[in-house]
C-alpha cells in the first residue's frame, strides 16, 4: 500500500492491509492489525494497539497506551486520552467459545478522558465528553458530560467541550437547553 504523506515511526508495526489516510502520524511501539482503516490527519500515540477491523475517522487523536479493540468505530475528530480502555467482551473468560464482537460506536467529536473505561456495546454520542477515570456502562447522549464510577450524566457540553451548566449548581440541563430552548414559551 502506498503510504505517501504518512509518518510511521520505525518501531511501529503496521499490517500491510491496513489503510492509513494522508497526514496521519503513528508513533513508536504502536501495532496496527489487518483490515484497519485510519482516516486522514490522525495522531496515533505511542504504545497503541489497534485491533483488526477497527475504523477510525479523520482528525482523531489517540494518546499513549490505548487499546482499540475489534468492534470499536471512532467517528471524525474523536479524542481518546492516555490509558483509556475499551473492553471487547461483556462476559470475559479465558476461554469463551460463544464470544461475539460487540459494536462500540464513538460518534464525531466525542472526547474520552485519561484512564476512562468504555464498556463494549455502548454508544458515545456526538461531541459528548467522558471525564477522566469514568467507567461508562450505558450510552452517552450527544453533548452529554459523564463522570464517575459508574459514569453518570452531570451536564451537557458545547462543541468545544465547555460545560453548559456547572455540575455542582443543581440538576443537569435538558436537551432543550442544549439547543437554546429554555421552555419559557414562544
N, C-alpha and C. Protein backbone atom coordinates (compact mmCIF):
# COMPACT_ATOMS: atom_id res chain seq x y z
N UNK A 1 0.85 -1.19 0.00
CA UNK A 1 0.00 0.00 0.00
C UNK A 1 0.89 1.24 0.00
N UNK A 2 0.52 2.21 -0.78
CA UNK A 2 1.25 3.47 -0.86
C UNK A 2 0.92 4.31 0.36
N UNK A 3 1.95 4.72 1.10
CA UNK A 3 1.72 5.49 2.32
C UNK A 3 2.47 6.83 2.25
N UNK A 4 2.26 7.52 1.16
CA UNK A 4 2.86 8.84 0.97
C UNK A 4 2.17 9.81 1.93
N UNK A 5 2.92 10.74 2.46
CA UNK A 5 2.39 11.76 3.39
C UNK A 5 1.90 11.17 4.70
N UNK A 6 2.44 10.02 5.10
CA UNK A 6 2.12 9.40 6.38
C UNK A 6 3.43 9.22 7.12
N UNK A 7 3.46 9.57 8.42
CA UNK A 7 4.65 9.32 9.21
C UNK A 7 4.42 8.07 10.04
N UNK A 8 5.31 7.11 9.91
CA UNK A 8 5.26 5.89 10.71
C UNK A 8 6.61 5.72 11.40
N UNK A 9 6.62 5.75 12.72
CA UNK A 9 7.85 5.58 13.47
C UNK A 9 8.45 4.21 13.14
N UNK A 10 9.78 4.11 13.07
CA UNK A 10 10.41 2.84 12.70
C UNK A 10 10.06 1.65 13.62
N UNK A 11 9.67 1.91 14.86
CA UNK A 11 9.33 0.79 15.76
C UNK A 11 7.86 0.37 15.66
N UNK A 12 7.07 1.12 14.92
CA UNK A 12 5.65 0.77 14.78
C UNK A 12 5.51 -0.44 13.86
N UNK A 13 4.51 -1.27 14.15
CA UNK A 13 4.26 -2.47 13.36
C UNK A 13 2.88 -2.31 12.71
N UNK A 14 2.88 -2.13 11.38
CA UNK A 14 1.65 -1.86 10.65
C UNK A 14 1.41 -2.99 9.66
N UNK A 15 0.25 -3.62 9.73
CA UNK A 15 -0.09 -4.70 8.79
C UNK A 15 -0.19 -4.10 7.39
N UNK A 16 0.30 -4.80 6.38
CA UNK A 16 0.24 -4.27 5.01
C UNK A 16 -1.17 -3.98 4.51
N UNK A 17 -2.18 -4.66 5.05
CA UNK A 17 -3.56 -4.45 4.60
C UNK A 17 -4.26 -3.30 5.33
N UNK A 18 -3.58 -2.66 6.27
CA UNK A 18 -4.18 -1.52 6.97
C UNK A 18 -4.18 -0.31 6.04
N UNK A 19 -5.26 0.45 6.08
CA UNK A 19 -5.37 1.66 5.27
C UNK A 19 -5.17 2.86 6.17
N UNK A 20 -4.26 3.75 5.77
CA UNK A 20 -3.92 4.90 6.60
C UNK A 20 -4.00 6.15 5.74
N UNK A 21 -4.79 7.13 6.20
CA UNK A 21 -5.00 8.36 5.45
C UNK A 21 -3.82 9.31 5.48
N UNK A 22 -3.77 10.17 4.47
CA UNK A 22 -2.69 11.16 4.33
C UNK A 22 -2.62 12.06 5.56
N UNK A 23 -1.40 12.41 5.93
CA UNK A 23 -1.17 13.32 7.03
C UNK A 23 -1.22 12.68 8.40
N UNK A 24 -1.49 11.39 8.47
CA UNK A 24 -1.55 10.69 9.76
C UNK A 24 -0.15 10.40 10.27
N UNK A 25 0.00 10.49 11.59
CA UNK A 25 1.27 10.20 12.25
C UNK A 25 1.06 9.06 13.23
N UNK A 26 1.95 8.05 13.14
CA UNK A 26 1.88 6.88 14.00
C UNK A 26 3.20 6.78 14.74
N UNK A 27 3.15 6.81 16.07
CA UNK A 27 4.36 6.90 16.87
C UNK A 27 4.87 5.53 17.33
N UNK A 28 5.91 5.55 18.15
CA UNK A 28 6.69 4.36 18.50
C UNK A 28 5.90 3.30 19.24
N UNK A 29 6.29 2.06 18.96
CA UNK A 29 5.78 0.86 19.60
C UNK A 29 4.27 0.65 19.43
N UNK A 30 3.73 1.19 18.37
CA UNK A 30 2.31 1.02 18.06
C UNK A 30 2.13 -0.16 17.13
N UNK A 31 1.04 -0.92 17.34
CA UNK A 31 0.73 -2.06 16.48
C UNK A 31 -0.66 -1.86 15.88
N UNK A 32 -0.71 -1.93 14.55
CA UNK A 32 -1.97 -1.80 13.82
C UNK A 32 -2.17 -3.06 13.00
N UNK A 33 -3.29 -3.74 13.25
CA UNK A 33 -3.56 -5.04 12.63
C UNK A 33 -4.24 -4.93 11.28
N UNK A 34 -4.56 -6.09 10.71
CA UNK A 34 -5.16 -6.17 9.38
C UNK A 34 -6.56 -5.55 9.35
N UNK A 35 -6.92 -5.09 8.17
CA UNK A 35 -8.27 -4.56 7.90
C UNK A 35 -8.64 -3.38 8.77
N UNK A 36 -7.66 -2.63 9.22
CA UNK A 36 -7.90 -1.39 9.96
C UNK A 36 -7.97 -0.26 8.93
N UNK A 37 -8.86 0.70 9.16
CA UNK A 37 -8.95 1.89 8.32
C UNK A 37 -8.81 3.11 9.21
N UNK A 38 -7.75 3.88 9.00
CA UNK A 38 -7.50 5.10 9.76
C UNK A 38 -7.58 6.26 8.79
N UNK A 39 -8.35 7.28 9.14
CA UNK A 39 -8.56 8.42 8.27
C UNK A 39 -7.34 9.33 8.16
N UNK A 40 -7.56 10.46 7.53
CA UNK A 40 -6.51 11.45 7.30
C UNK A 40 -6.27 12.30 8.55
N UNK A 41 -5.03 12.77 8.66
CA UNK A 41 -4.64 13.74 9.69
C UNK A 41 -4.92 13.30 11.12
N UNK A 42 -4.68 12.03 11.39
CA UNK A 42 -4.82 11.50 12.75
C UNK A 42 -3.47 11.47 13.44
N UNK A 43 -3.50 11.46 14.76
CA UNK A 43 -2.29 11.25 15.55
C UNK A 43 -2.54 10.02 16.40
N UNK A 44 -1.72 9.01 16.17
CA UNK A 44 -1.81 7.75 16.90
C UNK A 44 -0.55 7.69 17.77
N UNK A 45 -0.72 7.82 19.07
CA UNK A 45 0.40 7.94 20.01
C UNK A 45 1.23 6.68 20.14
N UNK A 46 2.09 6.69 21.16
CA UNK A 46 2.99 5.54 21.36
C UNK A 46 2.30 4.43 22.15
N UNK A 47 2.74 3.22 21.89
CA UNK A 47 2.23 2.02 22.59
C UNK A 47 0.72 1.86 22.43
N UNK A 48 0.23 2.07 21.23
CA UNK A 48 -1.19 1.92 20.90
C UNK A 48 -1.37 0.56 20.23
N UNK A 49 -2.47 -0.11 20.54
CA UNK A 49 -2.84 -1.35 19.85
C UNK A 49 -4.18 -1.11 19.18
N UNK A 50 -4.23 -1.31 17.86
CA UNK A 50 -5.48 -1.16 17.11
C UNK A 50 -5.78 -2.51 16.48
N UNK A 51 -6.85 -3.12 16.93
CA UNK A 51 -7.23 -4.48 16.56
C UNK A 51 -7.81 -4.54 15.15
N UNK A 52 -7.89 -5.72 14.60
CA UNK A 52 -8.39 -5.93 13.24
C UNK A 52 -9.82 -5.40 13.10
N UNK A 53 -10.08 -4.81 11.95
CA UNK A 53 -11.42 -4.35 11.63
C UNK A 53 -11.82 -3.02 12.23
N UNK A 54 -10.98 -2.39 13.02
CA UNK A 54 -11.32 -1.10 13.63
C UNK A 54 -11.34 -0.02 12.55
N UNK A 55 -12.29 0.91 12.67
CA UNK A 55 -12.39 2.04 11.75
C UNK A 55 -12.22 3.31 12.57
N UNK A 56 -11.31 4.18 12.12
CA UNK A 56 -11.03 5.45 12.79
C UNK A 56 -11.20 6.56 11.77
N UNK A 57 -12.01 7.55 12.08
CA UNK A 57 -12.29 8.64 11.15
C UNK A 57 -11.13 9.62 11.01
N UNK A 58 -11.38 10.71 10.31
CA UNK A 58 -10.38 11.75 10.06
C UNK A 58 -10.18 12.61 11.32
N UNK A 59 -8.95 13.10 11.47
CA UNK A 59 -8.64 14.08 12.51
C UNK A 59 -8.72 13.57 13.94
N UNK A 60 -8.61 12.27 14.15
CA UNK A 60 -8.67 11.72 15.50
C UNK A 60 -7.31 11.80 16.19
N UNK A 61 -7.34 11.86 17.51
CA UNK A 61 -6.12 11.84 18.31
C UNK A 61 -6.27 10.78 19.39
N UNK A 62 -5.40 9.76 19.33
CA UNK A 62 -5.40 8.70 20.33
C UNK A 62 -4.08 8.80 21.06
N UNK A 63 -4.16 9.09 22.35
CA UNK A 63 -2.93 9.28 23.12
C UNK A 63 -2.37 7.95 23.62
N UNK A 64 -1.25 7.99 24.27
CA UNK A 64 -0.45 6.82 24.62
C UNK A 64 -1.19 5.74 25.41
N UNK A 65 -0.78 4.49 25.13
CA UNK A 65 -1.19 3.32 25.91
C UNK A 65 -2.69 3.01 25.83
N UNK A 66 -3.26 3.14 24.66
CA UNK A 66 -4.68 2.84 24.46
C UNK A 66 -4.78 1.61 23.56
N UNK A 67 -5.70 0.71 23.90
CA UNK A 67 -6.03 -0.42 23.03
C UNK A 67 -7.42 -0.18 22.47
N UNK A 68 -7.52 -0.22 21.14
CA UNK A 68 -8.80 -0.04 20.46
C UNK A 68 -9.15 -1.39 19.85
N UNK A 69 -10.13 -2.07 20.44
CA UNK A 69 -10.43 -3.45 20.06
C UNK A 69 -11.45 -3.57 18.94
N UNK A 70 -11.43 -4.74 18.31
CA UNK A 70 -12.37 -5.11 17.26
C UNK A 70 -13.78 -4.76 17.71
N UNK A 71 -14.54 -4.11 16.85
CA UNK A 71 -15.90 -3.69 17.19
C UNK A 71 -16.01 -2.22 17.49
N UNK A 72 -14.89 -1.56 17.79
CA UNK A 72 -14.90 -0.13 18.07
C UNK A 72 -14.79 0.65 16.75
N UNK A 73 -15.62 1.67 16.62
CA UNK A 73 -15.56 2.58 15.48
C UNK A 73 -15.47 3.99 16.05
N UNK A 74 -14.46 4.73 15.63
CA UNK A 74 -14.31 6.12 16.06
C UNK A 74 -14.70 7.03 14.89
N UNK A 75 -15.61 7.97 15.13
CA UNK A 75 -16.00 8.93 14.11
C UNK A 75 -14.88 9.93 13.86
N UNK A 76 -15.19 11.02 13.20
CA UNK A 76 -14.21 12.06 12.91
C UNK A 76 -13.94 12.91 14.14
N UNK A 77 -12.69 13.35 14.27
CA UNK A 77 -12.25 14.27 15.32
C UNK A 77 -12.55 13.77 16.74
N UNK A 78 -12.38 12.49 16.95
CA UNK A 78 -12.54 11.89 18.28
C UNK A 78 -11.22 11.99 19.02
N UNK A 79 -11.28 12.32 20.30
CA UNK A 79 -10.11 12.37 21.16
C UNK A 79 -10.20 11.23 22.16
N UNK A 80 -9.11 10.46 22.29
CA UNK A 80 -9.03 9.39 23.29
C UNK A 80 -7.79 9.66 24.13
N UNK A 81 -7.98 9.95 25.41
CA UNK A 81 -6.89 10.29 26.32
C UNK A 81 -6.04 9.10 26.69
N UNK A 82 -4.87 9.37 27.30
CA UNK A 82 -3.93 8.30 27.63
C UNK A 82 -4.54 7.27 28.58
N UNK A 83 -4.20 6.03 28.31
CA UNK A 83 -4.60 4.89 29.14
C UNK A 83 -6.10 4.63 29.18
N UNK A 84 -6.86 5.25 28.29
CA UNK A 84 -8.29 4.92 28.21
C UNK A 84 -8.41 3.47 27.75
N UNK A 85 -9.49 2.82 28.17
CA UNK A 85 -9.65 1.40 27.89
C UNK A 85 -11.01 1.13 27.25
N UNK A 86 -10.99 0.41 26.14
CA UNK A 86 -12.21 -0.11 25.53
C UNK A 86 -12.25 -1.59 25.86
N UNK A 87 -13.37 -2.07 26.38
CA UNK A 87 -13.48 -3.52 26.59
C UNK A 87 -14.04 -4.15 25.32
N UNK A 88 -13.88 -5.46 25.17
CA UNK A 88 -14.40 -6.10 23.96
C UNK A 88 -15.16 -7.38 24.25
N UNK A 89 -15.52 -7.60 25.49
CA UNK A 89 -16.24 -8.82 25.84
C UNK A 89 -17.12 -8.51 27.04
N UNK A 90 -18.44 -8.69 26.91
CA UNK A 90 -19.36 -8.42 28.02
C UNK A 90 -19.23 -9.45 29.14
N UNK A 91 -18.83 -10.67 28.78
CA UNK A 91 -18.73 -11.76 29.75
C UNK A 91 -17.36 -12.41 29.61
N UNK A 92 -16.29 -11.73 30.03
CA UNK A 92 -14.93 -12.22 29.76
C UNK A 92 -14.58 -13.49 30.52
N UNK A 93 -13.96 -14.39 29.82
CA UNK A 93 -13.41 -15.63 30.37
C UNK A 93 -12.16 -15.95 29.58
N UNK A 94 -11.25 -16.72 30.18
CA UNK A 94 -10.04 -17.13 29.47
C UNK A 94 -10.40 -17.95 28.24
N UNK A 95 -11.48 -18.73 28.33
CA UNK A 95 -11.96 -19.49 27.18
C UNK A 95 -13.43 -19.16 27.03
N UNK A 96 -13.81 -18.67 25.85
CA UNK A 96 -15.18 -18.25 25.62
C UNK A 96 -15.60 -18.65 24.21
N UNK A 97 -16.06 -19.88 24.02
CA UNK A 97 -16.39 -20.36 22.68
C UNK A 97 -17.56 -19.62 22.03
N UNK A 98 -18.41 -18.95 22.80
CA UNK A 98 -19.55 -18.24 22.23
C UNK A 98 -19.33 -16.73 22.15
N UNK A 99 -18.05 -16.30 22.19
CA UNK A 99 -17.74 -14.87 22.16
C UNK A 99 -18.17 -14.26 20.84
N UNK A 100 -18.80 -13.09 20.92
CA UNK A 100 -19.23 -12.37 19.73
C UNK A 100 -18.71 -10.94 19.80
N UNK A 101 -18.39 -10.38 18.62
CA UNK A 101 -17.96 -8.99 18.55
C UNK A 101 -19.14 -8.10 18.95
N UNK A 102 -18.89 -7.13 19.80
CA UNK A 102 -19.92 -6.19 20.24
C UNK A 102 -19.54 -4.81 19.73
N UNK A 103 -20.41 -4.22 18.92
CA UNK A 103 -20.14 -2.90 18.35
C UNK A 103 -20.11 -1.83 19.44
N UNK A 104 -19.13 -0.94 19.34
CA UNK A 104 -19.00 0.20 20.25
C UNK A 104 -18.74 1.43 19.39
N UNK A 105 -19.81 2.14 18.97
CA UNK A 105 -19.63 3.33 18.14
C UNK A 105 -19.33 4.57 18.98
N UNK A 106 -18.31 5.30 18.57
CA UNK A 106 -17.95 6.58 19.19
C UNK A 106 -18.16 7.62 18.09
N UNK A 107 -19.15 8.48 18.27
CA UNK A 107 -19.55 9.39 17.21
C UNK A 107 -18.65 10.62 17.11
N UNK A 108 -18.78 11.35 16.01
CA UNK A 108 -17.94 12.51 15.70
C UNK A 108 -17.80 13.46 16.88
N UNK A 109 -16.57 13.93 17.09
CA UNK A 109 -16.29 14.96 18.08
C UNK A 109 -16.29 14.51 19.53
N UNK A 110 -16.53 13.22 19.79
CA UNK A 110 -16.54 12.74 21.18
C UNK A 110 -15.16 12.85 21.79
N UNK A 111 -15.11 13.01 23.11
CA UNK A 111 -13.85 13.13 23.83
C UNK A 111 -13.87 12.18 25.02
N UNK A 112 -12.83 11.36 25.13
CA UNK A 112 -12.73 10.37 26.20
C UNK A 112 -11.49 10.72 27.02
N UNK A 113 -11.69 10.98 28.30
CA UNK A 113 -10.59 11.40 29.17
C UNK A 113 -9.65 10.27 29.55
N UNK A 114 -8.52 10.65 30.10
CA UNK A 114 -7.48 9.71 30.53
C UNK A 114 -8.04 8.70 31.51
N UNK A 115 -7.62 7.46 31.36
CA UNK A 115 -7.98 6.37 32.27
C UNK A 115 -9.47 6.04 32.32
N UNK A 116 -10.25 6.52 31.36
CA UNK A 116 -11.67 6.15 31.30
C UNK A 116 -11.78 4.72 30.79
N UNK A 117 -12.83 4.02 31.21
CA UNK A 117 -13.11 2.68 30.72
C UNK A 117 -14.46 2.70 30.02
N UNK A 118 -14.48 2.19 28.79
CA UNK A 118 -15.70 2.17 27.98
C UNK A 118 -16.13 0.72 27.80
N UNK A 119 -17.27 0.36 28.36
CA UNK A 119 -17.79 -1.00 28.23
C UNK A 119 -18.25 -1.23 26.80
N UNK A 120 -17.93 -2.39 26.25
CA UNK A 120 -18.34 -2.68 24.88
C UNK A 120 -19.86 -2.64 24.77
N UNK A 121 -20.32 -2.21 23.61
CA UNK A 121 -21.75 -2.16 23.35
C UNK A 121 -22.42 -0.83 23.65
N UNK A 122 -21.70 0.12 24.25
CA UNK A 122 -22.30 1.43 24.50
C UNK A 122 -22.03 2.34 23.31
N UNK A 123 -22.86 3.33 23.16
CA UNK A 123 -22.70 4.35 22.11
C UNK A 123 -22.34 5.66 22.78
N UNK A 124 -21.28 6.29 22.27
CA UNK A 124 -20.89 7.61 22.76
C UNK A 124 -21.34 8.62 21.70
N UNK A 125 -22.28 9.50 22.06
CA UNK A 125 -22.89 10.44 21.11
C UNK A 125 -21.95 11.54 20.65
N UNK A 126 -22.38 12.24 19.60
CA UNK A 126 -21.58 13.32 19.02
C UNK A 126 -21.24 14.35 20.09
N UNK A 127 -20.01 14.78 20.07
CA UNK A 127 -19.48 15.82 20.95
C UNK A 127 -19.68 15.56 22.44
N UNK A 128 -19.93 14.31 22.81
CA UNK A 128 -20.03 14.02 24.24
C UNK A 128 -18.64 14.10 24.88
N UNK A 129 -18.62 14.15 26.19
CA UNK A 129 -17.36 14.18 26.91
C UNK A 129 -17.42 13.19 28.06
N UNK A 130 -16.45 12.29 28.08
CA UNK A 130 -16.31 11.32 29.16
C UNK A 130 -15.16 11.81 30.03
N UNK A 131 -15.43 12.09 31.28
CA UNK A 131 -14.42 12.63 32.18
C UNK A 131 -13.32 11.60 32.47
N UNK A 132 -12.16 12.08 32.81
CA UNK A 132 -11.04 11.22 33.17
C UNK A 132 -11.46 10.27 34.28
N UNK A 133 -11.12 9.00 34.13
CA UNK A 133 -11.38 8.00 35.15
C UNK A 133 -12.80 7.45 35.18
N UNK A 134 -13.68 7.94 34.32
CA UNK A 134 -15.07 7.47 34.32
C UNK A 134 -15.15 6.03 33.83
N UNK A 135 -16.15 5.31 34.31
CA UNK A 135 -16.43 3.95 33.85
C UNK A 135 -17.80 3.99 33.19
N UNK A 136 -17.80 3.94 31.86
CA UNK A 136 -19.03 4.11 31.08
C UNK A 136 -19.68 2.76 30.84
N UNK A 137 -20.88 2.58 31.40
CA UNK A 137 -21.62 1.31 31.27
C UNK A 137 -22.92 1.47 30.51
N UNK A 138 -23.28 2.71 30.15
CA UNK A 138 -24.51 2.99 29.41
C UNK A 138 -24.21 4.02 28.31
N UNK A 139 -25.10 4.09 27.33
CA UNK A 139 -24.95 5.07 26.25
C UNK A 139 -24.83 6.48 26.81
N UNK A 140 -24.04 7.31 26.11
CA UNK A 140 -23.89 8.72 26.46
C UNK A 140 -24.56 9.53 25.36
N UNK A 141 -25.50 10.43 25.71
CA UNK A 141 -26.21 11.18 24.66
C UNK A 141 -25.30 12.20 23.98
N UNK A 142 -25.69 12.67 22.80
CA UNK A 142 -24.93 13.73 22.16
C UNK A 142 -24.74 14.91 23.12
N UNK A 143 -23.52 15.41 23.17
CA UNK A 143 -23.13 16.55 24.00
C UNK A 143 -23.17 16.26 25.50
N UNK A 144 -23.45 15.01 25.89
CA UNK A 144 -23.52 14.67 27.31
C UNK A 144 -22.14 14.68 27.96
N UNK A 145 -22.09 15.12 29.19
CA UNK A 145 -20.88 15.07 30.01
C UNK A 145 -21.13 14.03 31.10
N UNK A 146 -20.32 12.97 31.11
CA UNK A 146 -20.47 11.94 32.13
C UNK A 146 -19.20 11.85 32.95
N UNK A 147 -19.39 11.50 34.22
CA UNK A 147 -18.24 11.30 35.11
C UNK A 147 -18.63 10.33 36.21
N UNK A 148 -17.61 9.74 36.83
CA UNK A 148 -17.81 8.85 37.96
C UNK A 148 -17.74 7.38 37.60
N UNK A 149 -17.89 6.54 38.64
CA UNK A 149 -17.87 5.09 38.51
C UNK A 149 -19.07 4.51 39.23
N UNK A 150 -20.09 4.08 38.54
CA UNK A 150 -20.27 4.15 37.09
C UNK A 150 -20.56 5.59 36.66
N UNK A 151 -20.28 5.86 35.39
CA UNK A 151 -20.46 7.22 34.87
C UNK A 151 -21.92 7.63 34.90
N UNK A 152 -22.15 8.88 35.31
CA UNK A 152 -23.49 9.45 35.35
C UNK A 152 -23.48 10.75 34.55
N UNK A 153 -24.61 11.03 33.91
CA UNK A 153 -24.77 12.28 33.17
C UNK A 153 -24.87 13.43 34.17
N UNK A 154 -23.95 14.39 34.07
CA UNK A 154 -23.94 15.51 35.01
C UNK A 154 -24.16 16.86 34.34
N UNK A 155 -24.04 16.89 33.01
CA UNK A 155 -24.18 18.16 32.31
C UNK A 155 -24.18 17.88 30.82
N UNK A 156 -24.24 18.94 30.04
CA UNK A 156 -24.06 18.89 28.59
C UNK A 156 -22.94 19.86 28.25
N UNK A 157 -22.26 19.60 27.13
CA UNK A 157 -21.15 20.44 26.70
C UNK A 157 -21.41 20.97 25.30
N UNK A 158 -20.78 22.10 24.98
CA UNK A 158 -20.87 22.60 23.62
C UNK A 158 -19.83 21.88 22.76
N UNK A 159 -19.71 22.25 21.50
CA UNK A 159 -18.77 21.58 20.59
C UNK A 159 -17.32 21.72 21.02
N UNK A 160 -17.01 22.75 21.79
CA UNK A 160 -15.64 22.94 22.28
C UNK A 160 -15.38 22.17 23.56
N UNK A 161 -16.41 21.50 24.10
CA UNK A 161 -16.25 20.73 25.33
C UNK A 161 -16.51 21.53 26.59
N UNK A 162 -17.00 22.75 26.45
CA UNK A 162 -17.26 23.59 27.62
C UNK A 162 -18.63 23.25 28.21
N UNK A 163 -18.70 22.98 29.51
CA UNK A 163 -20.00 22.66 30.14
C UNK A 163 -20.98 23.82 30.00
N UNK A 164 -22.25 23.46 29.81
CA UNK A 164 -23.29 24.47 29.72
C UNK A 164 -23.80 24.87 31.09
N UNK A 165 -23.49 24.04 32.08
CA UNK A 165 -24.02 24.23 33.42
C UNK A 165 -23.00 23.58 34.35
N UNK A 166 -22.67 24.19 35.43
CA UNK A 166 -21.69 23.58 36.33
C UNK A 166 -22.34 22.44 37.09
N UNK A 167 -21.73 21.25 37.15
CA UNK A 167 -22.35 20.09 37.80
C UNK A 167 -22.74 20.33 39.25
N UNK A 168 -22.11 21.24 39.95
CA UNK A 168 -22.40 21.44 41.37
C UNK A 168 -23.55 22.44 41.59
N UNK A 169 -24.05 23.05 40.50
CA UNK A 169 -25.09 24.07 40.63
C UNK A 169 -26.51 23.52 40.66
N UNK A 170 -26.68 22.23 40.60
CA UNK A 170 -28.03 21.66 40.59
C UNK A 170 -28.17 20.63 39.49
N UNK A 171 -29.40 20.30 39.13
CA UNK A 171 -29.61 19.25 38.14
C UNK A 171 -29.07 19.63 36.77
N UNK A 172 -28.70 18.62 36.02
CA UNK A 172 -28.18 18.84 34.67
C UNK A 172 -29.26 19.45 33.79
N UNK A 173 -28.86 20.27 32.84
CA UNK A 173 -29.84 20.87 31.93
C UNK A 173 -30.44 19.81 31.00
N UNK A 174 -31.54 20.15 30.41
CA UNK A 174 -32.20 19.26 29.48
C UNK A 174 -31.64 19.43 28.08
N UNK A 175 -32.03 18.55 27.17
CA UNK A 175 -31.64 18.68 25.77
C UNK A 175 -32.13 20.00 25.20
N UNK A 176 -33.31 20.50 25.69
CA UNK A 176 -33.82 21.78 25.21
C UNK A 176 -32.83 22.90 25.48
N UNK A 177 -32.25 22.91 26.66
CA UNK A 177 -31.27 23.95 26.99
C UNK A 177 -30.05 23.82 26.11
N UNK A 178 -29.65 22.59 25.82
CA UNK A 178 -28.50 22.37 24.94
C UNK A 178 -28.70 23.06 23.61
N UNK A 179 -29.93 23.07 23.12
CA UNK A 179 -30.21 23.64 21.81
C UNK A 179 -30.79 25.06 21.90
N UNK A 180 -30.65 25.69 23.07
CA UNK A 180 -31.04 27.08 23.22
C UNK A 180 -32.52 27.29 23.47
N UNK A 181 -33.22 26.23 23.82
CA UNK A 181 -34.65 26.36 24.13
C UNK A 181 -34.81 26.16 25.63
N UNK A 182 -35.29 27.17 26.32
CA UNK A 182 -35.40 27.07 27.77
C UNK A 182 -36.79 26.68 28.25
N UNK A 183 -37.72 26.46 27.33
CA UNK A 183 -39.05 26.05 27.71
C UNK A 183 -39.91 27.17 28.27
N UNK A 184 -39.49 28.43 28.11
CA UNK A 184 -40.20 29.57 28.68
C UNK A 184 -41.24 30.12 27.70
N UNK A 185 -41.78 29.25 26.88
CA UNK A 185 -42.82 29.67 25.96
C UNK A 185 -42.26 30.23 24.67
N UNK A 186 -43.17 30.40 23.71
CA UNK A 186 -42.86 31.02 22.43
C UNK A 186 -41.99 30.24 21.62
